[in-house]
PDB file of N, CA and C in Angstrom:
ATOM      1  N   MET A   1      -1.264  27.537   5.576  1.00  0.00           N
ATOM      2  CA  MET A   1      -0.284  26.868   4.082  1.00  0.00           C
ATOM      3  C   MET A   1       0.906  26.600   4.266  1.00  0.00           C
ATOM      4  N   THR A   2       1.065  25.841   3.812  1.00  0.00           N
ATOM      5  CA  THR A   2       2.325  25.424   3.445  1.00  0.00           C
ATOM      6  C   THR A   2       2.891  25.579   2.591  1.00  0.00           C
ATOM      7  N   LYS A   3       4.857  26.288   2.674  1.00  0.00           N
ATOM      8  CA  LYS A   3       5.509  26.423   1.100  1.00  0.00           C
ATOM      9  C   LYS A   3       6.285  25.669   1.034  1.00  0.00           C
ATOM     10  N   LEU A   4       7.013  25.556   0.116  1.00  0.00           N
ATOM     11  CA  LEU A   4       8.503  24.619  -0.257  1.00  0.00           C
ATOM     12  C   LEU A   4       9.027  26.179  -0.291  1.00  0.00           C
ATOM     13  N   LEU A   5      10.210  25.821   0.688  1.00  0.00           N
ATOM     14  CA  LEU A   5      11.568  27.029   0.529  1.00  0.00           C
ATOM     15  C   LEU A   5      12.056  27.274  -1.125  1.00  0.00           C
ATOM     16  N   ILE A   6      12.383  28.427  -1.467  1.00  0.00           N
ATOM     17  CA  ILE A   6      13.094  29.010  -2.786  1.00  0.00           C
ATOM     18  C   ILE A   6      13.972  27.680  -2.932  1.00  0.00           C
ATOM     19  N   ASN A   7      14.269  27.276  -4.233  1.00  0.00           N
ATOM     20  CA  ASN A   7      15.278  26.758  -4.245  1.00  0.00           C
ATOM     21  C   ASN A   7      16.085  26.905  -6.302  1.00  0.00           C
ATOM     22  N   LYS A   8      17.044  27.419  -6.379  1.00  0.00           N
ATOM     23  CA  LYS A   8      16.803  27.933  -8.037  1.00  0.00           C
ATOM     24  C   LYS A   8      16.784  26.507  -8.993  1.00  0.00           C
ATOM     25  N   THR A   9      17.238  25.168  -8.848  1.00  0.00           N
ATOM     26  CA  THR A   9      17.344  24.398  -8.810  1.00  0.00           C
ATOM     27  C   THR A   9      15.688  23.965  -9.371  1.00  0.00           C
ATOM     28  N   PHE A  10      14.843  24.054  -8.253  1.00  0.00           N
ATOM     29  CA  PHE A  10      13.665  23.271  -8.287  1.00  0.00           C
ATOM     30  C   PHE A  10      12.798  24.654  -8.895  1.00  0.00           C
ATOM     31  N   GLY A  11      13.558  25.736  -9.388  1.00  0.00           N
ATOM     32  CA  GLY A  11      12.831  26.790 -10.420  1.00  0.00           C
ATOM     33  C   GLY A  11      13.080  26.601 -11.578  1.00  0.00           C
ATOM     34  N   GLN A  12      14.030  25.780 -11.886  1.00  0.00           N
ATOM     35  CA  GLN A  12      14.639  25.741 -13.582  1.00  0.00           C
ATOM     36  C   GLN A  12      13.714  24.218 -13.900  1.00  0.00           C
ATOM     37  N   ASN A  13      13.742  23.281 -12.457  1.00  0.00           N
ATOM     38  CA  ASN A  13      12.602  22.331 -13.105  1.00  0.00           C
ATOM     39  C   ASN A  13      11.153  22.322 -13.296  1.00  0.00           C
ATOM     40  N   ILE A  14      10.651  23.607 -12.822  1.00  0.00           N
ATOM     41  CA  ILE A  14       9.617  23.430 -13.035  1.00  0.00           C
ATOM     42  C   ILE A  14       9.432  24.593 -14.741  1.00  0.00           C
ATOM     43  N   ARG A  15      10.402  25.268 -14.962  1.00  0.00           N
ATOM     44  CA  ARG A  15      10.628  25.771 -15.907  1.00  0.00           C
ATOM     45  C   ARG A  15      11.283  25.066 -17.095  1.00  0.00           C
ATOM     46  N   ARG A  16      11.632  24.015 -17.046  1.00  0.00           N
ATOM     47  CA  ARG A  16      11.837  22.996 -17.915  1.00  0.00           C
ATOM     48  C   ARG A  16      10.725  22.125 -18.117  1.00  0.00           C
ATOM     49  N   ILE A  17       9.902  21.516 -17.232  1.00  0.00           N
ATOM     50  CA  ILE A  17       9.131  21.056 -17.453  1.00  0.00           C
ATOM     51  C   ILE A  17       7.955  21.151 -18.161  1.00  0.00           C
ATOM     52  N   ARG A  18       7.746  22.540 -17.738  1.00  0.00           N
ATOM     53  CA  ARG A  18       6.550  24.047 -18.242  1.00  0.00           C
ATOM     54  C   ARG A  18       6.775  23.810 -20.179  1.00  0.00           C
ATOM     55  N   CYS A  19       8.472  24.509 -20.197  1.00  0.00           N
ATOM     56  CA  CYS A  19       8.928  24.387 -21.830  1.00  0.00           C
ATOM     57  C   CYS A  19       8.353  23.014 -22.602  1.00  0.00           C
ATOM     58  N   SER A  20       8.535  21.742 -21.979  1.00  0.00           N
ATOM     59  CA  SER A  20       8.518  20.460 -22.413  1.00  0.00           C
ATOM     60  C   SER A  20       7.276  20.004 -23.103  1.00  0.00           C
ATOM     61  N   CYS A  21       6.381  20.883 -21.987  1.00  0.00           N
ATOM     62  CA  CYS A  21       4.974  20.882 -22.451  1.00  0.00           C
ATOM     63  C   CYS A  21       4.344  21.576 -23.632  1.00  0.00           C
ATOM     64  N   ASP A  22       5.287  22.637 -24.041  1.00  0.00           N
ATOM     65  CA  ASP A  22       5.005  23.145 -24.795  1.00  0.00           C
ATOM     66  C   ASP A  22       4.057  24.639 -24.507  1.00  0.00           C
ATOM     67  N   MET A  23       4.253  24.969 -23.341  1.00  0.00           N
ATOM     68  CA  MET A  23       3.518  26.111 -22.786  1.00  0.00           C
ATOM     69  C   MET A  23       3.710  27.085 -22.305  1.00  0.00           C
ATOM     70  N   THR A  24       3.494  28.357 -22.514  1.00  0.00           N
ATOM     71  CA  THR A  24       3.967  29.613 -21.922  1.00  0.00           C
ATOM     72  C   THR A  24       3.861  29.925 -20.250  1.00  0.00           C
ATOM     73  N   GLN A  25       4.433  30.817 -19.373  1.00  0.00           N
ATOM     74  CA  GLN A  25       4.478  31.260 -18.477  1.00  0.00           C
ATOM     75  C   GLN A  25       2.652  31.246 -18.316  1.00  0.00           C
ATOM     76  N   GLU A  26       1.876  32.804 -19.229  1.00  0.00           N
ATOM     77  CA  GLU A  26       0.971  32.667 -19.534  1.00  0.00           C
ATOM     78  C   GLU A  26      -0.160  31.661 -19.215  1.00  0.00           C
ATOM     79  N   GLN A  27      -0.219  30.929 -20.042  1.00  0.00           N
ATOM     80  CA  GLN A  27      -0.803  29.519 -20.260  1.00  0.00           C
ATOM     81  C   GLN A  27      -0.634  28.759 -19.234  1.00  0.00           C
ATOM     82  N   THR A  28       0.277  28.666 -18.234  1.00  0.00           N
ATOM     83  CA  THR A  28       0.561  28.013 -16.858  1.00  0.00           C
ATOM     84  C   THR A  28      -0.336  28.532 -16.181  1.00  0.00           C
ATOM     85  N   VAL A  29       0.052  29.574 -15.978  1.00  0.00           N
ATOM     86  CA  VAL A  29      -1.092  30.463 -14.735  1.00  0.00           C
ATOM     87  C   VAL A  29      -3.019  30.678 -14.656  1.00  0.00           C
ATOM     88  N   ALA A  30      -2.589  30.856 -16.440  1.00  0.00           N
ATOM     89  CA  ALA A  30      -4.582  30.703 -16.425  1.00  0.00           C
ATOM     90  C   ALA A  30      -4.564  29.408 -15.870  1.00  0.00           C
ATOM     91  N   GLN A  31      -4.277  28.788 -16.366  1.00  0.00           N
ATOM     92  CA  GLN A  31      -4.267  26.937 -15.597  1.00  0.00           C
ATOM     93  C   GLN A  31      -4.726  26.573 -14.427  1.00  0.00           C
ATOM     94  N   LEU A  32      -3.668  27.145 -13.839  1.00  0.00           N
ATOM     95  CA  LEU A  32      -3.504  27.579 -12.296  1.00  0.00           C
ATOM     96  C   LEU A  32      -4.378  28.268 -11.746  1.00  0.00           C
ATOM     97  N   GLN A  33      -5.060  29.495 -12.322  1.00  0.00           N
ATOM     98  CA  GLN A  33      -6.095  30.224 -11.857  1.00  0.00           C
ATOM     99  C   GLN A  33      -7.372  29.194 -11.834  1.00  0.00           C
ATOM    100  N   VAL A  34      -7.596  28.539 -12.864  1.00  0.00           N
ATOM    101  CA  VAL A  34      -8.755  27.530 -13.156  1.00  0.00           C
ATOM    102  C   VAL A  34      -8.834  26.693 -12.180  1.00  0.00           C
ATOM    103  N   LEU A  35      -7.592  26.273 -11.243  1.00  0.00           N
ATOM    104  CA  LEU A  35      -7.902  25.306 -10.269  1.00  0.00           C
ATOM    105  C   LEU A  35      -7.753  26.127  -9.194  1.00  0.00           C
ATOM    106  N   GLY A  36      -7.765  27.138  -9.191  1.00  0.00           N
ATOM    107  CA  GLY A  36      -7.760  27.920  -7.747  1.00  0.00           C
ATOM    108  C   GLY A  36      -6.896  28.786  -7.339  1.00  0.00           C
ATOM    109  N   SER A  37      -5.502  28.705  -7.915  1.00  0.00           N
ATOM    110  CA  SER A  37      -4.596  29.428  -7.813  1.00  0.00           C
ATOM    111  C   SER A  37      -4.662  31.074  -8.126  1.00  0.00           C
ATOM    112  N   PRO A  38      -3.913  31.703  -6.846  1.00  0.00           N
ATOM    113  CA  PRO A  38      -4.382  33.283  -7.613  1.00  0.00           C
ATOM    114  C   PRO A  38      -3.371  33.722  -7.540  1.00  0.00           C
ATOM    115  N   LEU A  39      -2.268  32.750  -8.000  1.00  0.00           N
ATOM    116  CA  LEU A  39      -0.905  33.361  -8.517  1.00  0.00           C
ATOM    117  C   LEU A  39      -0.963  34.141  -9.806  1.00  0.00           C
ATOM    118  N   SER A  40      -0.554  35.168  -9.863  1.00  0.00           N
ATOM    119  CA  SER A  40       0.026  35.970 -11.378  1.00  0.00           C
ATOM    120  C   SER A  40       1.586  35.551 -12.092  1.00  0.00           C
ATOM    121  N   ARG A  41       1.077  36.081 -13.076  1.00  0.00           N
ATOM    122  CA  ARG A  41       2.682  35.931 -13.737  1.00  0.00           C
ATOM    123  C   ARG A  41       3.456  36.108 -13.505  1.00  0.00           C
ATOM    124  N   GLY A  42       3.734  37.596 -12.910  1.00  0.00           N
ATOM    125  CA  GLY A  42       5.067  37.711 -12.099  1.00  0.00           C
ATOM    126  C   GLY A  42       5.685  37.070 -11.290  1.00  0.00           C
ATOM    127  N   THR A  43       4.640  36.821 -10.293  1.00  0.00           N
ATOM    128  CA  THR A  43       4.906  35.732  -8.933  1.00  0.00           C
ATOM    129  C   THR A  43       5.537  34.402  -9.521  1.00  0.00           C
ATOM    130  N   TYR A  44       4.263  33.929 -10.772  1.00  0.00           N
ATOM    131  CA  TYR A  44       4.732  32.035 -11.008  1.00  0.00           C
ATOM    132  C   TYR A  44       6.554  32.539 -11.819  1.00  0.00           C
ATOM    133  N   SER A  45       6.747  34.060 -12.540  1.00  0.00           N
ATOM    134  CA  SER A  45       7.687  33.609 -12.998  1.00  0.00           C
ATOM    135  C   SER A  45       9.070  33.679 -11.882  1.00  0.00           C
ATOM    136  N   GLN A  46       8.819  34.228 -10.698  1.00  0.00           N
ATOM    137  CA  GLN A  46       9.929  34.227  -9.728  1.00  0.00           C
ATOM    138  C   GLN A  46       9.945  33.034  -9.138  1.00  0.00           C
ATOM    139  N   ILE A  47       9.036  32.041  -9.282  1.00  0.00           N
ATOM    140  CA  ILE A  47       8.998  30.523  -8.011  1.00  0.00           C
ATOM    141  C   ILE A  47       9.959  30.010  -9.736  1.00  0.00           C
ATOM    142  N   GLU A  48       9.751  30.441 -10.863  1.00  0.00           N
ATOM    143  CA  GLU A  48      10.700  29.578 -11.742  1.00  0.00           C
ATOM    144  C   GLU A  48      12.674  30.082 -11.700  1.00  0.00           C
ATOM    145  N   MET A  49      12.348  31.564 -11.443  1.00  0.00           N
ATOM    146  CA  MET A  49      13.873  32.343 -11.066  1.00  0.00           C
ATOM    147  C   MET A  49      14.398  31.463 -10.235  1.00  0.00           C
ATOM    148  N   GLY A  50      13.611  30.722  -8.763  1.00  0.00           N
ATOM    149  CA  GLY A  50      14.002  30.259  -7.797  1.00  0.00           C
ATOM    150  C   GLY A  50      13.999  31.518  -6.722  1.00  0.00           C
ATOM    151  N   ILE A  51      13.475  32.569  -6.777  1.00  0.00           N
ATOM    152  CA  ILE A  51      13.541  33.914  -6.081  1.00  0.00           C
ATOM    153  C   ILE A  51      12.444  33.959  -5.109  1.00  0.00           C
ATOM    154  N   ARG A  52      11.600  32.557  -5.083  1.00  0.00           N
ATOM    155  CA  ARG A  52       9.986  32.913  -4.003  1.00  0.00           C
ATOM    156  C   ARG A  52       9.318  31.787  -3.912  1.00  0.00           C
ATOM    157  N   ASN A  53       9.115  31.538  -2.367  1.00  0.00           N
ATOM    158  CA  ASN A  53       8.468  30.320  -2.418  1.00  0.00           C
ATOM    159  C   ASN A  53       7.548  30.059  -3.084  1.00  0.00           C
ATOM    160  N   VAL A  54       7.167  28.637  -3.046  1.00  0.00           N
ATOM    161  CA  VAL A  54       5.824  27.879  -3.758  1.00  0.00           C
ATOM    162  C   VAL A  54       4.525  27.683  -2.896  1.00  0.00           C
ATOM    163  N   TYR A  55       3.755  27.497  -2.974  1.00  0.00           N
ATOM    164  CA  TYR A  55       3.116  26.639  -1.938  1.00  0.00           C
ATOM    165  C   TYR A  55       2.934  25.486  -2.429  1.00  0.00           C
ATOM    166  N   VAL A  56       2.443  24.580  -1.282  1.00  0.00           N
ATOM    167  CA  VAL A  56       2.213  23.214  -1.759  1.00  0.00           C
ATOM    168  C   VAL A  56       1.165  22.876  -2.592  1.00  0.00           C
ATOM    169  N   SER A  57      -0.182  23.641  -2.709  1.00  0.00           N
ATOM    170  CA  SER A  57      -1.339  23.539  -3.197  1.00  0.00           C
ATOM    171  C   SER A  57      -0.932  23.894  -4.725  1.00  0.00           C
ATOM    172  N   ASP A  58      -0.177  24.704  -4.799  1.00  0.00           N
ATOM    173  CA  ASP A  58       0.241  25.375  -6.210  1.00  0.00           C
ATOM    174  C   ASP A  58       1.145  24.397  -6.765  1.00  0.00           C
ATOM    175  N   LEU A  59       2.113  23.463  -6.478  1.00  0.00           N
ATOM    176  CA  LEU A  59       2.948  22.233  -7.116  1.00  0.00           C
ATOM    177  C   LEU A  59       1.761  21.485  -7.084  1.00  0.00           C
ATOM    178  N   VAL A  60       1.130  21.115  -6.472  1.00  0.00           N
ATOM    179  CA  VAL A  60       0.104  20.396  -7.034  1.00  0.00           C
ATOM    180  C   VAL A  60      -0.720  20.216  -7.991  1.00  0.00           C
ATOM    181  N   ALA A  61      -1.205  21.808  -8.215  1.00  0.00           N
ATOM    182  CA  ALA A  61      -1.910  22.128  -9.534  1.00  0.00           C
ATOM    183  C   ALA A  61      -1.026  22.160 -10.775  1.00  0.00           C
ATOM    184  N   LEU A  62       0.112  22.292 -10.524  1.00  0.00           N
ATOM    185  CA  LEU A  62       1.132  22.474 -11.510  1.00  0.00           C
ATOM    186  C   LEU A  62       1.101  20.937 -12.096  1.00  0.00           C
ATOM    187  N   GLN A  63       1.743  19.836 -10.994  1.00  0.00           N
ATOM    188  CA  GLN A  63       2.023  18.547 -10.834  1.00  0.00           C
ATOM    189  C   GLN A  63       0.305  17.927 -12.042  1.00  0.00           C
ATOM    190  N   LYS A  64      -0.464  18.580 -12.079  1.00  0.00           N
ATOM    191  CA  LYS A  64      -2.003  18.280 -12.763  1.00  0.00           C
ATOM    192  C   LYS A  64      -1.903  18.999 -13.648  1.00  0.00           C
ATOM    193  N   ILE A  65      -1.661  20.019 -14.071  1.00  0.00           N
ATOM    194  CA  ILE A  65      -1.183  21.014 -15.272  1.00  0.00           C
ATOM    195  C   ILE A  65      -0.580  20.085 -16.073  1.00  0.00           C
ATOM    196  N   PHE A  66       0.669  19.880 -15.724  1.00  0.00           N
ATOM    197  CA  PHE A  66       2.420  19.195 -16.695  1.00  0.00           C
ATOM    198  C   PHE A  66       2.155  17.803 -16.699  1.00  0.00           C
ATOM    199  N   GLY A  67       1.401  16.986 -15.484  1.00  0.00           N
ATOM    200  CA  GLY A  67       0.920  15.287 -15.682  1.00  0.00           C
ATOM    201  C   GLY A  67       2.086  15.166 -15.685  1.00  0.00           C
ATOM    202  N   VAL A  68       2.937  15.159 -14.734  1.00  0.00           N
ATOM    203  CA  VAL A  68       4.191  14.892 -14.712  1.00  0.00           C
ATOM    204  C   VAL A  68       4.286  14.389 -13.034  1.00  0.00           C
ATOM    205  N   ASP A  69       5.750  13.491 -13.050  1.00  0.00           N
ATOM    206  CA  ASP A  69       5.174  12.929 -11.607  1.00  0.00           C
ATOM    207  C   ASP A  69       5.784  13.482 -10.755  1.00  0.00           C
ATOM    208  N   PHE A  70       6.125  13.897  -9.547  1.00  0.00           N
ATOM    209  CA  PHE A  70       6.193  15.174  -8.134  1.00  0.00           C
ATOM    210  C   PHE A  70       7.869  14.995  -8.634  1.00  0.00           C
ATOM    211  N   SER A  71       8.292  13.739  -8.628  1.00  0.00           N
ATOM    212  CA  SER A  71       9.714  13.656  -8.865  1.00  0.00           C
ATOM    213  C   SER A  71      10.015  14.423  -9.786  1.00  0.00           C
ATOM    214  N   ALA A  72       9.895  14.676 -10.704  1.00  0.00           N
ATOM    215  CA  ALA A  72      10.388  15.678 -11.659  1.00  0.00           C
ATOM    216  C   ALA A  72      10.707  16.977 -11.466  1.00  0.00           C
ATOM    217  N   PHE A  73      10.106  16.954 -10.362  1.00  0.00           N
ATOM    218  CA  PHE A  73      10.392  18.985  -9.774  1.00  0.00           C
ATOM    219  C   PHE A  73      11.444  18.617  -9.143  1.00  0.00           C
ATOM    220  N   PHE A  74      11.587  18.229  -8.642  1.00  0.00           N
ATOM    221  CA  PHE A  74      12.846  17.953  -7.317  1.00  0.00           C
ATOM    222  C   PHE A  74      14.511  17.093  -7.976  1.00  0.00           C
ATOM    223  N   GLU A  75      14.383  16.999  -9.343  1.00  0.00           N
ATOM    224  CA  GLU A  75      15.335  16.260 -10.109  1.00  0.00           C
ATOM    225  C   GLU A  75      16.691  16.874  -9.927  1.00  0.00           C
ATOM    226  N   ASP A  76      17.310  16.800  -9.459  1.00  0.00           N
ATOM    227  CA  ASP A  76      19.141  17.511  -9.618  1.00  0.00           C
ATOM    228  C   ASP A  76      19.277  18.357  -8.319  1.00  0.00           C
ATOM    229  N   ILE A  77      18.347  18.200  -7.714  1.00  0.00           N
ATOM    230  CA  ILE A  77      18.671  18.928  -5.684  1.00  0.00           C
ATOM    231  C   ILE A  77      19.203  17.831  -5.149  1.00  0.00           C
ATOM    232  N   PRO A  78      20.257  18.452  -4.531  1.00  0.00           N
ATOM    233  CA  PRO A  78      21.286  17.522  -3.527  1.00  0.00           C
ATOM    234  C   PRO A  78      20.292  17.527  -2.378  1.00  0.00           C
ATOM    235  N   THR A  79      20.655  16.712  -1.456  1.00  0.00           N
ATOM    236  CA  THR A  79      20.061  16.866  -0.182  1.00  0.00           C
ATOM    237  C   THR A  79      21.030  17.233   1.465  1.00  0.00           C
ATOM    238  N   SER A  80      21.831  18.256   0.924  1.00  0.00           N
ATOM    239  CA  SER A  80      22.556  18.824   1.717  1.00  0.00           C
ATOM    240  C   SER A  80      22.438  20.195   1.545  1.00  0.00           C
ATOM    241  N   ARG A  81      22.592  20.887   2.094  1.00  0.00           N
ATOM    242  CA  ARG A  81      21.646  22.202   2.202  1.00  0.00           C
ATOM    243  C   ARG A  81      23.581  23.570   1.890  1.00  0.00           C
TER     244      ARG A  81
END
């Protein structure tokens, strides 16, 4: 399974997108679980805080749930390490 490495800005972007969709973490995780993700709310919270990696498959599910372009998840992330 492929993971994206942790990034604080990435996590902030996910939170911003979720809030703009007027969804709670619990609602988001429930939708992820319907799509087959085993994420708990605690794990999801850590992704939003930028302290946990995210599976690419979970990112695909989030894109479907939020109905945004993938580029929205990567806004303001610098190209340099």
